[in-house]
Each structure stands twice: as structure tokens, then as C-alpha cells.
Amino acid sequence: MNWLSSPAMALPENEPVAGLFAALELNRYGRPLGGCWLAWDPDIEMLMLCFNLYIPTSDVVAFNNTLDNFSASLKLVQSSLNEEQLIETRAGSAAHFELA
């Protein structure tokens, strides 16, 4: 098995816990990342976007589509984990936990 991976982003210094919760939410059921997932890389202290791909069975079209989808997922992760959205997510999560 081969894999694609790319640094997605560091956790925000002001909101690292909210960043982890947002990453877990994106990982949930493989949606909305199209089969990709986020993992923590302790060596570079960043979230990594990862995807498994068996390259020997991929044709050119499938490989190009995989790269396009991987790139779109990377952009989604980076936009979802910006600090402004993390603050909103954390506020929403706190309200959810209070109701539960």
C-alpha cells in the first residue's frame, strides 16, 4: 500500500484543544474528507492529511482524480481549522455539552 500525506497545519497556539476537536470532527466517518484522514505528526508538530492508495492498480485517470480530491480535502482542512472557526466551534461545543 502506498500513501499520500501532506502537512495540513499546526494547531493554533491559542486554541489547541479546539483544533484537535475540529480535526476529530473532520475525521468522523471519513466524511467530508473523501476517505482521507487527519493524523498528528509529533516530529513536525502538525496535523497531517493522509490517504492510502494502491498505486500499481491505479490508472492515470484514477491517480489524477485522487490527487485532485486530496488537494480539495487539504484546502477544506486548512479552511476548517482557521482560528475564527475554531472559536465558533468551541462555543458551539460548549453549548452542546451543557445541554446533554
C-alpha atoms as a PDB file:
ATOM      1  CA  MET A   1       0.000   0.000   0.000  1.00  0.00           C
ATOM      2  CA  ASN A   2       1.221   3.461  -0.817  1.00  0.00           C
ATOM      3  CA  TRP A   3       0.081   6.637   0.819  1.00  0.00           C
ATOM      4  CA  LEU A   4      -0.222  10.304   0.178  1.00  0.00           C
ATOM      5  CA  SER A   5       0.383  12.697   3.039  1.00  0.00           C
ATOM      6  CA  SER A   6       0.817  16.397   3.432  1.00  0.00           C
ATOM      7  CA  PRO A   7       1.235  18.737   6.378  1.00  0.00           C
ATOM      8  CA  ALA A   8      -2.184  20.321   6.826  1.00  0.00           C
ATOM      9  CA  MET A   9      -1.489  22.796   9.607  1.00  0.00           C
ATOM     10  CA  ALA A  10      -0.167  23.316  13.104  1.00  0.00           C
ATOM     11  CA  LEU A  11      -2.619  23.520  15.966  1.00  0.00           C
ATOM     12  CA  PRO A  12      -3.394  27.127  16.852  1.00  0.00           C
ATOM     13  CA  GLU A  13      -1.398  28.203  19.891  1.00  0.00           C
ATOM     14  CA  ASN A  14      -4.429  29.903  21.464  1.00  0.00           C
ATOM     15  CA  GLU A  15      -6.883  27.056  20.780  1.00  0.00           C
ATOM     16  CA  PRO A  16      -5.027  23.687  20.524  1.00  0.00           C
ATOM     17  CA  VAL A  17      -7.866  21.680  22.096  1.00  0.00           C
ATOM     18  CA  ALA A  18     -10.440  23.249  19.784  1.00  0.00           C
ATOM     19  CA  GLY A  19      -8.108  22.409  16.880  1.00  0.00           C
ATOM     20  CA  LEU A  20      -7.995  18.757  17.924  1.00  0.00           C
ATOM     21  CA  PHE A  21     -11.772  18.618  18.296  1.00  0.00           C
ATOM     22  CA  ALA A  22     -12.202  20.164  14.834  1.00  0.00           C
ATOM     23  CA  ALA A  23      -9.765  17.602  13.378  1.00  0.00           C
ATOM     24  CA  LEU A  24     -11.665  14.744  15.032  1.00  0.00           C
ATOM     25  CA  GLU A  25     -14.923  16.095  13.650  1.00  0.00           C
ATOM     26  CA  LEU A  26     -13.448  16.155  10.137  1.00  0.00           C
ATOM     27  CA  ASN A  27     -12.217  12.562  10.594  1.00  0.00           C
ATOM     28  CA  ARG A  28     -15.651  11.331  11.609  1.00  0.00           C
ATOM     29  CA  TYR A  29     -16.743   8.522   9.299  1.00  0.00           C
ATOM     30  CA  GLY A  30     -14.256   9.617   6.617  1.00  0.00           C
ATOM     31  CA  ARG A  31     -16.647  12.342   5.548  1.00  0.00           C
ATOM     32  CA  PRO A  32     -16.142  15.227   4.460  1.00  0.00           C
ATOM     33  CA  LEU A  33     -12.529  14.363   3.676  1.00  0.00           C
ATOM     34  CA  GLY A  34     -13.357  11.880   0.930  1.00  0.00           C
ATOM     35  CA  GLY A  35     -11.576   8.935   2.513  1.00  0.00           C
ATOM     36  CA  CYS A  36      -8.626  10.994   3.771  1.00  0.00           C
ATOM     37  CA  TRP A  37      -7.917  11.356   7.473  1.00  0.00           C
ATOM     38  CA  LEU A  38      -6.010  13.646   9.775  1.00  0.00           C
ATOM     39  CA  ALA A  39      -3.195  12.399  11.971  1.00  0.00           C
ATOM     40  CA  TRP A  40      -0.846  14.115  14.396  1.00  0.00           C
ATOM     41  CA  ASP A  41       2.836  14.030  13.452  1.00  0.00           C
ATOM     42  CA  PRO A  42       4.838  14.604  16.647  1.00  0.00           C
ATOM     43  CA  ASP A  43       8.104  15.071  14.753  1.00  0.00           C
ATOM     44  CA  ILE A  44       6.941  18.225  12.990  1.00  0.00           C
ATOM     45  CA  GLU A  45       4.113  19.045  15.439  1.00  0.00           C
ATOM     46  CA  MET A  46       1.497  19.368  12.729  1.00  0.00           C
ATOM     47  CA  LEU A  47      -1.715  17.730  11.634  1.00  0.00           C
ATOM     48  CA  MET A  48      -1.113  15.653   8.512  1.00  0.00           C
ATOM     49  CA  LEU A  49      -3.682  14.831   5.864  1.00  0.00           C
ATOM     50  CA  CYS A  50      -3.269  11.188   4.810  1.00  0.00           C
ATOM     51  CA  PHE A  51      -4.723   8.852   2.176  1.00  0.00           C
ATOM     52  CA  ASN A  52      -3.981   5.223   1.258  1.00  0.00           C
ATOM     53  CA  LEU A  53      -3.677   4.418  -2.427  1.00  0.00           C
ATOM     54  CA  TYR A  54      -2.530   1.229  -4.101  1.00  0.00           C
ATOM     55  CA  ILE A  55      -0.617   2.828  -6.974  1.00  0.00           C
ATOM     56  CA  PRO A  56       0.057  -0.340  -9.037  1.00  0.00           C
ATOM     57  CA  THR A  57      -3.688  -0.769  -9.679  1.00  0.00           C
ATOM     58  CA  SER A  58      -4.348   2.922 -10.370  1.00  0.00           C
ATOM     59  CA  ASP A  59      -4.590   4.138 -13.910  1.00  0.00           C
ATOM     60  CA  VAL A  60      -3.725   7.694 -14.918  1.00  0.00           C
ATOM     61  CA  VAL A  61      -7.292   8.969 -14.604  1.00  0.00           C
ATOM     62  CA  ALA A  62      -7.812   7.422 -11.151  1.00  0.00           C
ATOM     63  CA  PHE A  63      -4.455   8.728  -9.929  1.00  0.00           C
ATOM     64  CA  ASN A  64      -5.179  12.264 -11.203  1.00  0.00           C
ATOM     65  CA  ASN A  65      -8.643  12.199  -9.628  1.00  0.00           C
ATOM     66  CA  THR A  66      -7.110  11.036  -6.357  1.00  0.00           C
ATOM     67  CA  LEU A  67      -4.624  13.919  -6.399  1.00  0.00           C
ATOM     68  CA  ASP A  68      -7.384  16.418  -7.211  1.00  0.00           C
ATOM     69  CA  ASN A  69      -9.567  15.087  -4.387  1.00  0.00           C
ATOM     70  CA  PHE A  70      -6.617  15.055  -1.979  1.00  0.00           C
ATOM     71  CA  SER A  71      -5.856  18.678  -2.834  1.00  0.00           C
ATOM     72  CA  ALA A  72      -9.509  19.659  -2.311  1.00  0.00           C
ATOM     73  CA  SER A  73      -9.535  17.872   1.059  1.00  0.00           C
ATOM     74  CA  LEU A  74      -6.354  19.677   2.084  1.00  0.00           C
ATOM     75  CA  LYS A  75      -7.936  23.041   1.264  1.00  0.00           C
ATOM     76  CA  LEU A  76     -11.061  22.061   3.221  1.00  0.00           C
ATOM     77  CA  VAL A  77      -8.971  21.130   6.272  1.00  0.00           C
ATOM     78  CA  GLN A  78      -6.997  24.342   6.150  1.00  0.00           C
ATOM     79  CA  SER A  79     -10.113  26.476   5.856  1.00  0.00           C
ATOM     80  CA  SER A  80     -11.975  24.497   8.557  1.00  0.00           C
ATOM     81  CA  LEU A  81      -9.181  24.808  11.081  1.00  0.00           C
ATOM     82  CA  ASN A  82      -8.675  28.552  10.936  1.00  0.00           C
ATOM     83  CA  GLU A  83      -8.772  30.275  14.330  1.00  0.00           C
ATOM     84  CA  GLU A  84     -12.013  32.158  13.756  1.00  0.00           C
ATOM     85  CA  GLN A  85     -13.951  28.973  13.034  1.00  0.00           C
ATOM     86  CA  LEU A  86     -12.320  27.164  15.962  1.00  0.00           C
ATOM     87  CA  ILE A  87     -13.616  29.803  18.349  1.00  0.00           C
ATOM     88  CA  GLU A  88     -17.131  29.342  16.923  1.00  0.00           C
ATOM     89  CA  THR A  89     -16.787  25.547  17.114  1.00  0.00           C
ATOM     90  CA  ARG A  90     -15.635  25.696  20.702  1.00  0.00           C
ATOM     91  CA  ALA A  91     -18.547  27.972  21.668  1.00  0.00           C
ATOM     92  CA  GLY A  92     -20.977  25.650  19.914  1.00  0.00           C
ATOM     93  CA  SER A  93     -19.456  22.571  21.528  1.00  0.00           C
ATOM     94  CA  ALA A  94     -19.687  24.120  24.987  1.00  0.00           C
ATOM     95  CA  ALA A  95     -23.371  24.854  24.423  1.00  0.00           C
ATOM     96  CA  HIS A  96     -23.926  21.293  23.192  1.00  0.00           C
ATOM     97  CA  PHE A  97     -22.247  19.744  26.221  1.00  0.00           C
ATOM     98  CA  GLU A  98     -24.263  21.906  28.594  1.00  0.00           C
ATOM     99  CA  LEU A  99     -27.499  20.639  27.045  1.00  0.00           C
ATOM    100  CA  ALA A 100     -26.521  16.971  27.099  1.00  0.00           C
END
